[in-house]
N, C-alpha and C. Protein backbone atom coordinates (compact mmCIF):
# COMPACT_ATOMS: atom_id res chain seq x y z
N MET A 1 -1.86 -16.31 -21.39
CA MET A 1 -3.25 -15.57 -21.14
C MET A 1 -4.02 -16.04 -19.74
N ALA A 2 -4.37 -15.36 -19.27
CA ALA A 2 -5.16 -15.73 -17.88
C ALA A 2 -6.40 -16.48 -18.19
N LYS A 3 -6.54 -17.65 -17.51
CA LYS A 3 -7.74 -18.55 -17.78
C LYS A 3 -8.49 -18.74 -16.34
N ALA A 4 -9.68 -19.12 -16.48
CA ALA A 4 -10.40 -19.25 -15.20
C ALA A 4 -9.72 -20.33 -14.49
N GLY A 5 -9.64 -20.26 -13.16
CA GLY A 5 -8.68 -21.08 -12.40
C GLY A 5 -7.22 -20.68 -11.93
N ASP A 6 -6.91 -19.84 -12.79
CA ASP A 6 -5.38 -19.50 -12.82
C ASP A 6 -5.22 -18.56 -11.43
N ARG A 7 -4.14 -18.71 -10.98
CA ARG A 7 -3.54 -18.04 -9.83
C ARG A 7 -2.33 -17.41 -9.96
N MET A 8 -2.23 -16.03 -10.06
CA MET A 8 -1.05 -15.29 -10.31
C MET A 8 -0.73 -14.14 -9.15
N THR A 9 0.54 -14.12 -8.70
CA THR A 9 0.92 -13.22 -7.51
C THR A 9 1.90 -12.26 -8.19
N SER A 10 1.55 -11.01 -7.70
CA SER A 10 2.55 -9.93 -7.66
C SER A 10 3.23 -9.72 -6.22
N VAL A 11 4.37 -10.26 -5.90
CA VAL A 11 4.84 -10.24 -4.64
C VAL A 11 5.26 -8.80 -4.13
N HIS A 12 5.56 -8.07 -5.21
CA HIS A 12 6.06 -6.73 -4.83
C HIS A 12 4.91 -5.65 -4.45
N THR A 13 3.67 -5.99 -4.85
CA THR A 13 2.57 -5.24 -4.48
C THR A 13 1.71 -5.95 -3.61
N GLY A 14 1.99 -7.33 -3.20
CA GLY A 14 1.21 -7.98 -2.10
C GLY A 14 -0.08 -8.27 -2.72
N GLU A 15 -0.30 -8.59 -4.11
CA GLU A 15 -1.39 -9.04 -4.58
C GLU A 15 -1.36 -10.54 -5.28
N THR A 16 -2.47 -11.25 -5.01
CA THR A 16 -2.64 -12.54 -5.64
C THR A 16 -4.04 -12.59 -6.21
N PHE A 17 -4.14 -12.82 -7.53
CA PHE A 17 -5.25 -12.84 -8.50
C PHE A 17 -5.67 -14.35 -8.68
N VAL A 18 -6.88 -14.69 -8.40
CA VAL A 18 -7.38 -15.93 -8.50
C VAL A 18 -8.54 -15.77 -9.60
N PHE A 19 -8.36 -16.02 -10.85
CA PHE A 19 -9.11 -15.70 -11.87
C PHE A 19 -10.44 -16.66 -11.88
N ILE A 20 -11.57 -16.08 -11.72
CA ILE A 20 -12.94 -16.81 -11.81
C ILE A 20 -13.66 -16.93 -13.09
N LYS A 21 -13.68 -15.78 -13.75
CA LYS A 21 -14.15 -15.76 -15.13
C LYS A 21 -13.44 -14.53 -15.87
N THR A 22 -13.14 -14.89 -17.12
CA THR A 22 -12.34 -13.87 -17.96
C THR A 22 -13.17 -13.54 -19.15
N ALA A 23 -12.57 -12.68 -19.89
CA ALA A 23 -13.41 -12.16 -21.07
C ALA A 23 -13.91 -13.37 -22.15
N ALA A 24 -12.98 -14.23 -22.08
CA ALA A 24 -13.32 -15.55 -22.78
C ALA A 24 -14.54 -16.20 -22.45
N ASN A 25 -14.79 -16.24 -20.97
CA ASN A 25 -15.94 -16.88 -20.46
C ASN A 25 -17.24 -16.19 -20.60
N THR A 26 -17.15 -14.82 -20.69
CA THR A 26 -18.36 -13.97 -20.66
C THR A 26 -18.61 -13.17 -21.78
N ASP A 27 -17.91 -13.49 -22.92
CA ASP A 27 -18.09 -12.73 -24.32
C ASP A 27 -17.75 -11.26 -24.01
N GLY A 28 -16.63 -11.00 -23.22
CA GLY A 28 -16.14 -9.75 -22.83
C GLY A 28 -16.78 -8.84 -22.11
N GLN A 29 -17.97 -9.38 -21.61
CA GLN A 29 -18.91 -8.74 -20.62
C GLN A 29 -18.16 -8.47 -19.26
N GLN A 30 -17.44 -9.44 -18.75
CA GLN A 30 -17.24 -9.30 -17.34
C GLN A 30 -15.75 -10.11 -16.98
N LEU A 31 -15.01 -9.47 -16.09
CA LEU A 31 -13.79 -10.18 -15.52
C LEU A 31 -14.01 -10.18 -14.05
N VAL A 32 -13.89 -11.44 -13.64
CA VAL A 32 -14.18 -11.82 -12.17
C VAL A 32 -12.90 -12.43 -11.69
N PHE A 33 -12.59 -11.82 -10.55
CA PHE A 33 -11.41 -12.67 -9.68
C PHE A 33 -11.53 -12.47 -8.29
N ASP A 34 -11.04 -13.18 -7.56
CA ASP A 34 -10.51 -13.13 -5.90
C ASP A 34 -9.19 -12.43 -5.81
N MET A 35 -9.10 -11.42 -5.05
CA MET A 35 -7.92 -10.83 -4.66
C MET A 35 -7.53 -11.28 -3.23
N ILE A 36 -6.30 -11.82 -3.09
CA ILE A 36 -5.81 -11.83 -1.91
C ILE A 36 -4.76 -10.88 -1.67
N CYS A 37 -4.94 -9.84 -0.58
CA CYS A 37 -3.91 -9.01 -0.54
C CYS A 37 -3.32 -9.03 0.71
N GLU A 38 -2.03 -9.01 0.55
CA GLU A 38 -1.02 -9.21 1.74
C GLU A 38 -1.16 -7.84 2.71
N PRO A 39 -0.70 -7.98 4.05
CA PRO A 39 -0.65 -6.98 4.87
C PRO A 39 0.22 -5.77 4.30
N GLY A 40 -0.54 -4.62 4.25
CA GLY A 40 0.09 -3.53 3.71
C GLY A 40 0.14 -3.45 2.01
N GLY A 41 -0.34 -4.40 1.38
CA GLY A 41 -0.44 -4.49 0.11
C GLY A 41 -1.61 -3.79 -0.59
N GLY A 42 -1.47 -3.83 -1.78
CA GLY A 42 -2.71 -3.37 -2.73
C GLY A 42 -2.17 -2.74 -3.72
N ALA A 43 -3.02 -1.54 -4.17
CA ALA A 43 -2.65 -0.76 -5.53
C ALA A 43 -1.76 0.39 -5.26
N LYS A 44 -0.63 -0.17 -4.41
CA LYS A 44 0.15 1.06 -3.79
C LYS A 44 1.04 1.50 -5.16
N GLY A 45 1.20 0.69 -6.06
CA GLY A 45 2.11 1.26 -7.12
C GLY A 45 1.16 2.11 -8.16
N ALA A 46 -0.21 2.25 -7.99
CA ALA A 46 -1.06 2.84 -8.84
C ALA A 46 -1.59 3.96 -7.88
N PRO A 47 -1.21 5.18 -8.13
CA PRO A 47 -1.94 6.36 -7.30
C PRO A 47 -3.18 6.40 -7.82
N THR A 48 -3.97 7.35 -7.31
CA THR A 48 -5.52 7.58 -7.47
C THR A 48 -5.61 7.59 -9.12
N HIS A 49 -6.46 6.85 -9.59
CA HIS A 49 -6.60 6.55 -11.11
C HIS A 49 -8.06 6.42 -11.44
N ILE A 50 -8.25 6.45 -13.00
CA ILE A 50 -9.64 6.29 -13.37
C ILE A 50 -9.61 5.19 -14.41
N HIS A 51 -10.73 4.54 -14.60
CA HIS A 51 -10.90 3.50 -15.64
C HIS A 51 -12.15 4.09 -16.30
N PRO A 52 -11.87 4.71 -17.50
CA PRO A 52 -12.89 5.43 -18.34
C PRO A 52 -14.09 4.77 -18.54
N LYS A 53 -13.84 3.31 -18.90
CA LYS A 53 -14.97 2.51 -19.39
C LYS A 53 -15.40 1.53 -18.57
N GLN A 54 -14.75 1.05 -17.70
CA GLN A 54 -15.00 -0.12 -16.82
C GLN A 54 -15.65 0.37 -15.33
N GLU A 55 -16.65 -0.30 -15.00
CA GLU A 55 -17.19 -0.11 -13.64
C GLU A 55 -16.76 -1.38 -12.77
N GLU A 56 -16.35 -1.10 -11.70
CA GLU A 56 -15.75 -2.14 -10.78
C GLU A 56 -16.72 -2.38 -9.53
N HIS A 57 -16.84 -3.65 -9.31
CA HIS A 57 -17.51 -4.03 -7.98
C HIS A 57 -16.62 -4.77 -7.07
N PHE A 58 -16.50 -4.46 -5.76
CA PHE A 58 -15.74 -5.01 -4.70
C PHE A 58 -16.54 -5.55 -3.72
N HIS A 59 -16.37 -6.86 -3.46
CA HIS A 59 -17.16 -7.54 -2.33
C HIS A 59 -16.25 -8.08 -1.29
N ILE A 60 -16.16 -7.37 -0.18
CA ILE A 60 -15.12 -7.85 0.78
C ILE A 60 -15.53 -8.91 1.58
N ARG A 61 -14.42 -9.84 1.61
CA ARG A 61 -14.91 -11.15 2.33
C ARG A 61 -13.95 -11.49 3.79
N LYS A 62 -12.94 -10.86 3.66
CA LYS A 62 -11.99 -11.07 4.86
C LYS A 62 -11.23 -9.87 4.91
N GLY A 63 -10.87 -9.37 6.44
CA GLY A 63 -10.18 -8.35 6.48
C GLY A 63 -10.70 -6.91 6.31
N VAL A 64 -9.96 -6.04 6.01
CA VAL A 64 -10.55 -4.57 5.77
C VAL A 64 -9.78 -3.92 4.66
N ILE A 65 -10.42 -3.20 3.67
CA ILE A 65 -9.78 -2.54 2.63
C ILE A 65 -10.07 -1.22 2.83
N GLU A 66 -9.13 -0.18 2.75
CA GLU A 66 -9.22 1.01 2.60
C GLU A 66 -9.34 1.87 1.27
N PHE A 67 -10.35 2.34 1.08
CA PHE A 67 -10.81 2.93 -0.27
C PHE A 67 -10.57 4.38 -0.33
N GLU A 68 -10.14 4.86 -1.37
CA GLU A 68 -10.28 6.33 -1.78
C GLU A 68 -11.11 6.35 -3.09
N VAL A 69 -12.24 6.89 -2.83
CA VAL A 69 -13.26 7.14 -4.03
C VAL A 69 -13.81 8.42 -4.20
N ASN A 70 -13.25 9.11 -5.33
CA ASN A 70 -13.92 10.36 -5.57
C ASN A 70 -13.40 11.36 -4.48
N GLY A 71 -12.33 11.09 -3.89
CA GLY A 71 -11.81 12.11 -3.03
C GLY A 71 -12.27 11.75 -1.70
N ARG A 72 -13.01 10.72 -1.29
CA ARG A 72 -13.21 10.31 -0.03
C ARG A 72 -12.78 9.07 0.44
N SER A 73 -12.21 8.93 1.61
CA SER A 73 -11.47 7.89 2.01
C SER A 73 -12.48 7.21 3.22
N PHE A 74 -12.50 5.93 3.02
CA PHE A 74 -13.25 5.15 4.00
C PHE A 74 -12.77 3.61 4.10
N PHE A 75 -13.31 2.88 5.04
CA PHE A 75 -12.92 1.50 5.24
C PHE A 75 -14.06 0.60 4.73
N ALA A 76 -13.84 -0.46 4.03
CA ALA A 76 -14.80 -1.52 3.83
C ALA A 76 -14.60 -2.81 4.55
N TYR A 77 -15.57 -3.46 5.05
CA TYR A 77 -15.39 -4.66 5.80
C TYR A 77 -16.04 -5.76 5.40
N PRO A 78 -15.97 -6.98 5.89
CA PRO A 78 -16.59 -8.19 5.40
C PRO A 78 -18.00 -7.99 5.42
N GLY A 79 -18.43 -8.64 4.04
CA GLY A 79 -20.02 -8.48 3.92
C GLY A 79 -20.44 -7.11 3.14
N GLU A 80 -19.50 -6.21 3.11
CA GLU A 80 -19.77 -4.97 2.38
C GLU A 80 -19.37 -5.05 0.93
N SER A 81 -20.04 -4.47 0.18
CA SER A 81 -19.67 -4.31 -1.18
C SER A 81 -19.73 -2.64 -1.77
N ILE A 82 -18.63 -2.47 -2.58
CA ILE A 82 -18.36 -1.13 -2.93
C ILE A 82 -18.47 -1.09 -4.64
N THR A 83 -19.08 -0.18 -5.19
CA THR A 83 -19.12 -0.01 -6.53
C THR A 83 -18.45 1.14 -6.98
N VAL A 84 -17.53 1.02 -7.86
CA VAL A 84 -16.74 2.41 -8.49
C VAL A 84 -17.34 2.33 -9.78
N PRO A 85 -18.06 3.62 -10.13
CA PRO A 85 -18.52 3.59 -11.54
C PRO A 85 -17.41 4.09 -12.49
N ALA A 86 -17.54 3.77 -13.84
CA ALA A 86 -16.54 4.33 -14.72
C ALA A 86 -16.24 5.73 -14.67
N GLY A 87 -15.05 5.99 -14.85
CA GLY A 87 -14.69 7.51 -14.76
C GLY A 87 -14.54 7.95 -13.48
N THR A 88 -14.56 7.20 -12.34
CA THR A 88 -14.54 7.74 -10.97
C THR A 88 -12.95 7.71 -10.26
N PRO A 89 -12.48 8.62 -10.03
CA PRO A 89 -11.10 8.54 -9.33
C PRO A 89 -11.12 7.56 -8.13
N HIS A 90 -10.05 6.73 -8.08
CA HIS A 90 -10.13 5.83 -6.93
C HIS A 90 -8.92 5.05 -6.64
N THR A 91 -8.51 4.65 -5.60
CA THR A 91 -7.56 3.64 -5.38
C THR A 91 -7.85 2.86 -4.00
N TRP A 92 -6.97 1.87 -3.70
CA TRP A 92 -7.43 1.04 -2.44
C TRP A 92 -6.14 0.42 -1.89
N ARG A 93 -5.99 -0.10 -0.75
CA ARG A 93 -5.11 -0.82 -0.13
C ARG A 93 -5.62 -1.62 1.16
N ASN A 94 -4.78 -2.33 1.54
CA ASN A 94 -5.02 -3.21 2.84
C ASN A 94 -4.22 -2.32 3.84
N PRO A 95 -4.81 -1.76 4.76
CA PRO A 95 -4.22 -0.96 5.84
C PRO A 95 -3.54 -1.65 6.80
N SER A 96 -4.01 -2.86 6.98
CA SER A 96 -3.40 -3.88 8.25
C SER A 96 -1.99 -4.09 7.97
N GLN A 97 -1.23 -4.15 8.94
CA GLN A 97 0.24 -4.58 8.80
C GLN A 97 0.38 -6.11 9.33
N LYS A 98 -0.79 -6.74 9.69
CA LYS A 98 -0.88 -8.07 10.42
C LYS A 98 -1.80 -8.98 9.56
N GLU A 99 -2.75 -8.64 8.87
CA GLU A 99 -3.76 -9.53 8.36
C GLU A 99 -3.90 -9.35 6.79
N LYS A 100 -4.01 -10.50 6.30
CA LYS A 100 -4.42 -10.38 4.88
C LYS A 100 -5.84 -9.98 4.72
N ALA A 101 -6.21 -9.46 3.51
CA ALA A 101 -7.48 -9.04 3.23
C ALA A 101 -7.92 -9.81 1.79
N VAL A 102 -9.22 -10.27 1.83
CA VAL A 102 -9.76 -11.02 0.54
C VAL A 102 -10.89 -10.21 0.20
N PHE A 103 -11.02 -9.96 -1.30
CA PHE A 103 -12.27 -9.62 -1.74
C PHE A 103 -12.41 -10.14 -3.30
N ARG A 104 -13.74 -10.10 -3.61
CA ARG A 104 -13.86 -10.56 -4.94
C ARG A 104 -14.20 -9.25 -5.81
N CYS A 105 -13.59 -9.13 -6.94
CA CYS A 105 -13.65 -7.89 -7.89
C CYS A 105 -14.44 -8.40 -9.12
N GLU A 106 -15.28 -7.63 -9.60
CA GLU A 106 -15.91 -7.94 -10.86
C GLU A 106 -15.78 -6.41 -11.76
N ILE A 107 -15.13 -6.67 -12.79
CA ILE A 107 -15.01 -5.61 -13.72
C ILE A 107 -15.83 -5.74 -15.00
N GLU A 108 -16.56 -4.65 -15.41
CA GLU A 108 -17.63 -4.81 -16.48
C GLU A 108 -17.57 -3.56 -17.30
N PRO A 109 -17.19 -3.48 -18.65
CA PRO A 109 -16.93 -4.85 -19.36
C PRO A 109 -15.52 -5.29 -18.99
N ALA A 110 -15.20 -6.57 -19.51
CA ALA A 110 -13.74 -6.95 -19.21
C ALA A 110 -12.70 -6.23 -19.74
N GLY A 111 -12.92 -5.63 -20.91
CA GLY A 111 -11.74 -5.11 -21.50
C GLY A 111 -10.46 -5.95 -21.79
N HIS A 112 -9.40 -5.46 -21.43
CA HIS A 112 -8.20 -6.29 -21.62
C HIS A 112 -7.39 -6.27 -20.19
N PHE A 113 -8.24 -6.29 -19.15
CA PHE A 113 -7.64 -6.15 -17.82
C PHE A 113 -6.92 -7.44 -17.31
N GLU A 114 -7.44 -8.66 -17.99
CA GLU A 114 -6.62 -9.72 -17.59
C GLU A 114 -5.20 -9.67 -18.03
N PHE A 115 -4.99 -9.09 -19.09
CA PHE A 115 -3.67 -9.11 -19.69
C PHE A 115 -2.89 -8.02 -18.96
N MET A 116 -3.43 -6.92 -18.58
CA MET A 116 -2.81 -6.08 -17.66
C MET A 116 -2.46 -6.59 -16.43
N PHE A 117 -3.20 -7.39 -15.75
CA PHE A 117 -2.99 -7.97 -14.36
C PHE A 117 -1.87 -9.11 -14.64
N GLU A 118 -2.13 -9.74 -15.55
CA GLU A 118 -0.94 -10.74 -15.87
C GLU A 118 0.43 -10.17 -15.94
N SER A 119 0.28 -8.98 -16.85
CA SER A 119 1.80 -8.33 -16.97
C SER A 119 2.28 -7.84 -15.54
N LEU A 120 1.34 -7.18 -14.71
CA LEU A 120 1.69 -6.76 -13.44
C LEU A 120 2.51 -7.97 -12.66
N CYS A 121 1.81 -9.16 -12.64
CA CYS A 121 2.37 -10.46 -11.96
C CYS A 121 3.57 -10.76 -12.77
N GLY A 122 3.73 -10.74 -13.97
CA GLY A 122 4.86 -11.09 -14.84
C GLY A 122 6.00 -10.21 -14.71
N LEU A 123 5.67 -8.94 -14.46
CA LEU A 123 6.76 -7.99 -14.19
C LEU A 123 7.28 -8.18 -12.68
N SER A 124 6.47 -8.53 -11.77
CA SER A 124 6.84 -8.78 -10.51
C SER A 124 7.82 -10.14 -10.33
N GLN A 125 7.29 -11.07 -11.20
CA GLN A 125 8.16 -12.29 -11.16
C GLN A 125 9.64 -11.97 -11.63
N ARG A 126 9.71 -11.19 -12.70
CA ARG A 126 10.99 -10.89 -13.18
C ARG A 126 11.85 -9.86 -12.32
N GLY A 127 11.18 -9.42 -11.30
CA GLY A 127 11.94 -8.46 -10.47
C GLY A 127 11.97 -7.03 -10.95
N MET A 128 10.99 -6.62 -11.92
CA MET A 128 10.81 -5.35 -12.47
C MET A 128 10.06 -4.44 -11.83
N ILE A 129 9.56 -4.65 -10.65
CA ILE A 129 8.62 -3.79 -9.95
C ILE A 129 9.47 -3.29 -8.64
N GLY A 130 9.46 -2.05 -8.24
CA GLY A 130 10.26 -1.56 -7.13
C GLY A 130 9.64 -1.87 -5.97
N VAL A 131 10.49 -1.73 -4.78
CA VAL A 131 9.95 -2.18 -3.37
C VAL A 131 8.64 -1.43 -2.92
N ASP A 132 8.67 -0.27 -3.65
CA ASP A 132 7.32 0.51 -3.17
C ASP A 132 6.23 0.41 -4.32
N GLY A 133 6.36 -0.66 -5.02
CA GLY A 133 5.38 -1.03 -6.01
C GLY A 133 5.17 -0.37 -7.27
N SER A 134 6.39 0.51 -7.71
CA SER A 134 6.42 1.28 -8.81
C SER A 134 6.94 0.64 -10.04
N VAL A 135 6.48 1.08 -11.05
CA VAL A 135 6.98 0.23 -12.32
C VAL A 135 7.59 1.34 -13.33
N SER A 136 8.55 1.02 -13.95
CA SER A 136 9.33 1.74 -15.00
C SER A 136 8.27 2.47 -15.79
N PRO A 137 8.30 3.78 -16.02
CA PRO A 137 7.29 4.61 -16.93
C PRO A 137 7.38 3.86 -18.46
N LEU A 138 8.63 3.29 -18.83
CA LEU A 138 8.83 2.80 -20.31
C LEU A 138 7.88 1.53 -20.19
N ALA A 139 7.97 0.64 -19.25
CA ALA A 139 7.18 -0.41 -19.15
C ALA A 139 5.67 -0.23 -19.11
N MET A 140 5.35 0.75 -18.51
CA MET A 140 3.93 1.32 -18.27
C MET A 140 3.54 1.75 -19.55
N ALA A 141 4.28 2.55 -20.27
CA ALA A 141 3.98 3.22 -21.64
C ALA A 141 3.61 2.09 -22.64
N ARG A 142 4.55 1.04 -22.54
CA ARG A 142 4.42 0.03 -23.69
C ARG A 142 3.05 -0.61 -23.41
N ILE A 143 2.78 -1.03 -22.20
CA ILE A 143 1.51 -1.81 -21.76
C ILE A 143 0.11 -0.81 -22.15
N LEU A 144 0.27 0.32 -21.62
CA LEU A 144 -0.78 1.19 -21.59
C LEU A 144 -1.21 1.79 -23.08
N HIS A 145 -0.22 1.79 -23.84
CA HIS A 145 -0.33 2.21 -25.10
C HIS A 145 -1.08 0.98 -26.05
N ARG A 146 -0.62 -0.16 -25.66
CA ARG A 146 -1.19 -1.36 -26.35
C ARG A 146 -2.83 -1.57 -25.93
N TYR A 147 -3.00 -1.23 -24.77
CA TYR A 147 -4.31 -1.38 -24.16
C TYR A 147 -4.82 0.04 -23.75
N PRO A 148 -5.37 0.90 -24.71
CA PRO A 148 -5.66 2.27 -24.42
C PRO A 148 -6.94 2.27 -23.75
N ASP A 149 -7.11 3.60 -23.01
CA ASP A 149 -8.45 3.91 -22.29
C ASP A 149 -8.86 2.79 -21.31
N HIS A 150 -7.82 2.21 -20.70
CA HIS A 150 -8.09 1.26 -19.53
C HIS A 150 -7.76 2.10 -18.44
N LEU A 151 -6.75 2.87 -18.06
CA LEU A 151 -6.30 3.30 -16.84
C LEU A 151 -5.59 4.75 -17.12
N TYR A 152 -6.03 5.85 -16.31
CA TYR A 152 -5.16 7.06 -16.44
C TYR A 152 -5.26 7.51 -15.13
N ILE A 153 -3.73 8.16 -14.70
CA ILE A 153 -3.78 8.64 -13.64
C ILE A 153 -4.35 10.12 -13.40
N VAL A 154 -4.86 10.31 -12.16
CA VAL A 154 -5.75 11.43 -11.85
C VAL A 154 -4.73 12.66 -11.77
N GLY A 155 -5.13 13.76 -12.24
CA GLY A 155 -4.23 14.98 -12.03
C GLY A 155 -3.42 15.40 -13.36
N ILE A 156 -3.50 14.36 -14.31
CA ILE A 156 -2.71 14.66 -15.64
C ILE A 156 -3.88 14.55 -16.82
N PRO A 157 -3.94 15.51 -17.62
CA PRO A 157 -4.92 15.38 -18.72
C PRO A 157 -4.75 14.13 -19.53
N PHE A 158 -5.98 13.44 -19.89
CA PHE A 158 -5.86 12.10 -20.55
C PHE A 158 -5.05 12.36 -21.73
N TRP A 159 -5.28 13.42 -22.50
CA TRP A 159 -4.46 13.46 -23.77
C TRP A 159 -3.01 13.58 -23.59
N GLU A 160 -2.50 14.33 -22.53
CA GLU A 160 -1.07 14.13 -22.33
C GLU A 160 -0.59 12.77 -22.06
N GLN A 161 -1.36 11.94 -21.48
CA GLN A 161 -1.03 10.75 -21.03
C GLN A 161 -0.99 9.82 -22.30
N ARG A 162 -2.01 9.97 -23.08
CA ARG A 162 -2.14 9.10 -24.32
C ARG A 162 -0.81 9.50 -25.19
N LEU A 163 -0.56 10.93 -25.21
CA LEU A 163 0.72 11.38 -26.15
C LEU A 163 1.91 10.68 -25.47
N ALA A 164 2.02 10.72 -24.09
CA ALA A 164 3.35 10.20 -23.51
C ALA A 164 3.64 8.79 -23.78
N PHE A 165 2.32 8.03 -23.84
CA PHE A 165 2.30 6.49 -24.22
C PHE A 165 2.83 6.33 -25.40
N ALA A 166 2.20 7.03 -26.44
CA ALA A 166 2.44 6.97 -27.86
C ALA A 166 4.02 7.18 -28.21
N LEU A 167 4.49 8.32 -27.43
CA LEU A 167 5.90 8.82 -27.70
C LEU A 167 6.92 7.69 -27.09
N LEU A 168 6.52 7.21 -25.79
CA LEU A 168 7.41 6.41 -25.21
C LEU A 168 7.43 4.84 -25.51
N SER A 169 6.25 4.36 -26.07
CA SER A 169 6.05 2.94 -26.52
C SER A 169 7.10 2.57 -27.55
N PRO A 170 7.37 3.24 -28.59
CA PRO A 170 8.36 2.95 -29.40
C PRO A 170 9.85 2.80 -28.86
N ILE A 171 10.20 3.72 -27.97
CA ILE A 171 11.36 3.63 -27.36
C ILE A 171 11.56 2.38 -26.45
N ALA A 172 10.24 2.27 -25.60
CA ALA A 172 10.38 0.87 -24.70
C ALA A 172 10.48 -0.23 -25.32
N LYS A 173 9.96 -0.28 -26.60
CA LYS A 173 10.06 -1.46 -27.58
C LYS A 173 11.48 -1.70 -28.04
N LEU A 174 12.09 -0.73 -28.46
CA LEU A 174 13.55 -0.75 -28.84
C LEU A 174 14.48 -1.12 -27.62
N MET A 175 14.08 -0.95 -26.48
CA MET A 175 14.76 -1.22 -25.03
C MET A 175 14.47 -2.52 -24.64
N GLY A 176 13.54 -3.12 -25.37
CA GLY A 176 13.21 -4.64 -24.94
C GLY A 176 11.95 -4.86 -24.04
N TYR A 177 11.17 -3.72 -23.89
CA TYR A 177 9.94 -3.86 -23.01
C TYR A 177 8.95 -4.50 -23.77
N LYS A 178 8.06 -5.23 -23.19
CA LYS A 178 7.07 -5.92 -23.96
C LYS A 178 5.63 -5.53 -23.66
N GLU A 179 4.57 -5.91 -24.65
CA GLU A 179 3.18 -5.49 -24.38
C GLU A 179 2.50 -6.26 -23.33
N LEU A 180 3.08 -7.57 -23.07
CA LEU A 180 2.61 -8.56 -22.26
C LEU A 180 3.59 -9.24 -21.58
N TYR A 181 3.73 -9.35 -20.48
CA TYR A 181 4.76 -10.23 -19.62
C TYR A 181 3.88 -11.44 -19.14
N THR A 182 4.03 -12.51 -19.79
CA THR A 182 3.35 -13.65 -19.39
C THR A 182 3.91 -14.24 -18.02
N TYR A 183 2.89 -14.78 -17.35
CA TYR A 183 3.22 -15.36 -15.96
C TYR A 183 3.75 -16.69 -15.99
N GLN A 184 4.90 -16.99 -15.46
CA GLN A 184 5.40 -18.31 -15.46
C GLN A 184 5.01 -19.13 -14.34
N PHE A 185 4.07 -20.07 -14.39
CA PHE A 185 3.82 -20.85 -13.16
C PHE A 185 4.71 -21.46 -12.32
N ASP A 186 5.86 -21.87 -13.10
CA ASP A 186 6.88 -22.75 -12.30
C ASP A 186 8.18 -21.97 -11.91
N GLN A 187 7.99 -20.60 -11.96
CA GLN A 187 9.08 -19.87 -11.46
C GLN A 187 8.84 -18.96 -10.34
N PRO A 188 9.83 -18.76 -9.51
CA PRO A 188 9.60 -18.09 -8.29
C PRO A 188 9.71 -16.56 -8.79
N ALA A 189 9.35 -15.69 -7.70
CA ALA A 189 9.50 -14.22 -7.96
C ALA A 189 11.09 -13.79 -7.76
N ALA A 190 11.52 -12.95 -8.66
CA ALA A 190 12.83 -12.38 -8.45
C ALA A 190 12.80 -11.38 -7.44
N ALA A 191 14.03 -10.90 -7.05
CA ALA A 191 13.89 -9.84 -6.09
C ALA A 191 13.49 -8.45 -6.62
N SER A 192 13.09 -7.59 -5.80
CA SER A 192 12.50 -6.39 -6.27
C SER A 192 13.73 -5.49 -6.51
N ILE A 193 13.32 -4.40 -7.54
CA ILE A 193 14.31 -3.29 -7.74
C ILE A 193 14.08 -2.29 -6.63
N GLU A 194 14.97 -1.17 -6.80
CA GLU A 194 14.83 0.01 -6.06
C GLU A 194 13.76 0.76 -6.60
N PRO A 195 13.00 1.66 -5.61
CA PRO A 195 11.86 2.42 -6.33
C PRO A 195 12.31 3.11 -7.38
N THR A 196 11.25 3.00 -8.43
CA THR A 196 11.51 3.54 -9.80
C THR A 196 10.72 4.97 -10.05
N HIS A 197 11.19 5.75 -10.89
CA HIS A 197 10.49 7.17 -11.16
C HIS A 197 9.09 6.83 -11.67
N GLN A 198 8.17 7.35 -10.94
CA GLN A 198 6.82 7.46 -11.36
C GLN A 198 6.64 8.43 -12.46
N MET A 199 5.54 8.18 -13.48
CA MET A 199 5.15 9.01 -14.39
C MET A 199 4.58 10.32 -13.93
N THR A 200 5.15 11.24 -14.34
CA THR A 200 4.43 12.70 -14.01
C THR A 200 4.10 13.46 -15.10
N GLY A 201 3.54 14.64 -14.85
CA GLY A 201 2.97 15.17 -15.95
C GLY A 201 4.12 15.75 -16.96
N ALA A 202 5.43 15.79 -16.37
CA ALA A 202 6.66 15.97 -17.27
C ALA A 202 7.22 15.05 -18.08
N ASP A 203 6.74 13.77 -17.78
CA ASP A 203 7.21 12.54 -18.57
C ASP A 203 6.87 12.40 -20.11
């Protein structure tokens, strides 16, 4: 479980999480972490998505972050803050191919996002994330079924995604996929896999 002060890296998406406050520190009200985003990195494995219950605040500290929020694309620079209300379609990335970007993110309420971020880093550490940042639909179904109503992909009805997670999660369990991939601080990241099939409306 992530704790305040922990630092976890997802090499294959170019993201390093430095946890400042977790649900345990804030009675579940807030998750706060600093994000160090490598050149070209970011939420590239997550297409435009929605958090139904959580509001996100991004405070840019270094570099540039390209956001897509509610269909509008724009850049945010050091000193600027961006708020993404609950239920708003969005995604983000570091558009630079040379410079890292750093921002602080506050998620309110915390929900179980610290577990999901740890699993992202744990999957990367095990080489289970594609070179394009994609994750096996079975792995995602297992995690998102365990932590419902945290993340949905835009363009697919929520009920279809919930049904897909419910149907695929038992199969994923039988195939050895876990609900939580703990981060091993003493182990280096494994090599990435080839791009994996993303979940679509037909999955």
